[in-house]
Amino acid sequence: MQPNRSPLPRLTPAFWGWALLDLIGVLILAVGAAWLIEGRASILPGFPANAVHAWSCVIGGGALLFVAAVKMMVEVMHAASRQNHAANDANFS
């Protein structure tokens, strides 16, 4: 590795887009979980209105969280592979 290069990959705009969706997923999950814990809408007034809305927020937010986290990891791996001395099947460092 060259001494003037950072070992960390450069984060792309796509990474930051997925990170934003990850945060949105956390917020959606938190809204649903708060209703399930307290039995009432405590973060957003009037939403979720019932248990079906709360469970759909938990499931949808969790799914969005999972997909965004996987996509962020893929972006980091792609950024690392674009650097000169990335390890691959033919060259392990």
Protein backbone atom coordinates (compact mmCIF):
# COMPACT_ATOMS: atom_id res chain seq x y z
CA MET A 1 0.00 0.00 0.00
CA GLN A 2 1.27 3.44 -0.83
CA PRO A 3 1.96 5.65 2.21
CA ASN A 4 -0.05 8.60 0.87
CA ARG A 5 -3.25 6.62 0.21
CA SER A 6 -5.90 6.11 2.84
CA PRO A 7 -6.78 2.46 3.54
CA LEU A 8 -10.46 3.42 3.72
CA PRO A 9 -12.49 3.35 0.49
CA ARG A 10 -14.04 6.55 -0.82
CA LEU A 11 -17.77 6.63 -0.08
CA THR A 12 -19.94 7.30 -3.12
CA PRO A 13 -23.17 9.29 -3.40
CA ALA A 14 -25.00 5.96 -3.80
CA PHE A 15 -23.72 4.94 -0.37
CA TRP A 16 -25.07 8.13 1.19
CA GLY A 17 -28.42 7.59 -0.55
CA TRP A 18 -28.69 4.12 0.96
CA ALA A 19 -27.61 5.52 4.33
CA LEU A 20 -30.48 8.01 4.16
CA LEU A 21 -32.93 5.20 3.38
CA ASP A 22 -31.45 3.26 6.29
CA LEU A 23 -32.24 6.16 8.63
CA ILE A 24 -35.77 6.39 7.25
CA GLY A 25 -36.17 2.65 7.91
CA VAL A 26 -35.04 3.15 11.51
CA LEU A 27 -37.59 5.94 11.98
CA ILE A 28 -40.42 3.86 10.50
CA LEU A 29 -39.48 0.92 12.68
CA ALA A 30 -39.31 3.18 15.77
CA VAL A 31 -42.79 4.61 15.12
CA GLY A 32 -44.30 1.14 14.92
CA ALA A 33 -42.34 -0.21 17.88
CA ALA A 34 -43.31 2.78 20.04
CA TRP A 35 -46.99 2.09 19.38
CA LEU A 36 -46.55 -1.60 20.22
CA ILE A 37 -44.73 -0.76 23.47
CA GLU A 38 -47.09 1.98 24.68
CA GLY A 39 -50.34 1.04 22.95
CA ARG A 40 -50.78 4.55 21.57
CA ALA A 41 -49.20 6.86 19.02
CA SER A 42 -46.40 8.58 20.88
CA ILE A 43 -43.99 9.79 18.17
CA LEU A 44 -46.37 10.96 15.45
CA PRO A 45 -49.83 12.12 16.59
CA GLY A 46 -52.48 9.71 15.30
CA PHE A 47 -50.11 7.34 13.51
CA PRO A 48 -50.09 4.41 13.73
CA ALA A 49 -53.75 4.17 14.56
CA ASN A 50 -53.91 0.48 15.43
CA ALA A 51 -51.86 -2.70 15.80
CA VAL A 52 -52.04 -3.53 12.09
CA HIS A 53 -50.45 -0.20 11.19
CA ALA A 54 -47.84 -0.64 13.93
CA TRP A 55 -46.86 -4.15 12.81
CA SER A 56 -46.70 -3.05 9.17
CA CYS A 57 -44.36 -0.21 10.22
CA VAL A 58 -42.16 -2.62 12.16
CA ILE A 59 -42.00 -5.13 9.30
CA GLY A 60 -41.64 -2.51 6.54
CA GLY A 61 -39.08 -0.48 8.48
CA GLY A 62 -37.09 -3.59 9.32
CA ALA A 63 -37.10 -4.71 5.69
CA LEU A 64 -36.00 -1.27 4.49
CA LEU A 65 -33.31 -1.22 7.17
CA PHE A 66 -32.01 -4.64 6.10
CA VAL A 67 -31.98 -3.88 2.35
CA ALA A 68 -30.30 -0.51 2.84
CA ALA A 69 -27.64 -2.00 5.13
CA VAL A 70 -26.84 -4.73 2.59
CA LYS A 71 -26.67 -2.19 -0.25
CA MET A 72 -24.34 0.03 1.80
CA MET A 73 -22.02 -2.93 2.38
CA VAL A 74 -22.07 -3.69 -1.36
CA GLU A 75 -21.18 -0.07 -2.14
CA VAL A 76 -18.26 -0.19 0.30
CA MET A 77 -17.00 -3.46 -1.21
CA HIS A 78 -17.26 -2.03 -4.72
CA ALA A 79 -15.40 1.10 -3.66
CA ALA A 80 -12.67 -1.03 -2.06
CA SER A 81 -12.34 -3.18 -5.17
CA ARG A 82 -11.85 -0.08 -7.34
CA GLN A 83 -8.69 0.78 -5.42
CA ASN A 84 -5.39 -0.48 -6.84
CA HIS A 85 -4.39 -3.04 -4.23
CA ALA A 86 -7.71 -4.68 -3.41
CA ALA A 87 -7.70 -8.35 -2.47
CA ASN A 88 -9.54 -10.65 -4.85
CA ASP A 89 -9.45 -14.32 -5.83
CA ALA A 90 -6.19 -13.88 -7.77
CA ASN A 91 -4.35 -11.51 -5.41
CA PHE A 92 -4.60 -11.69 -1.62
CA SER A 93 -2.86 -8.97 0.33
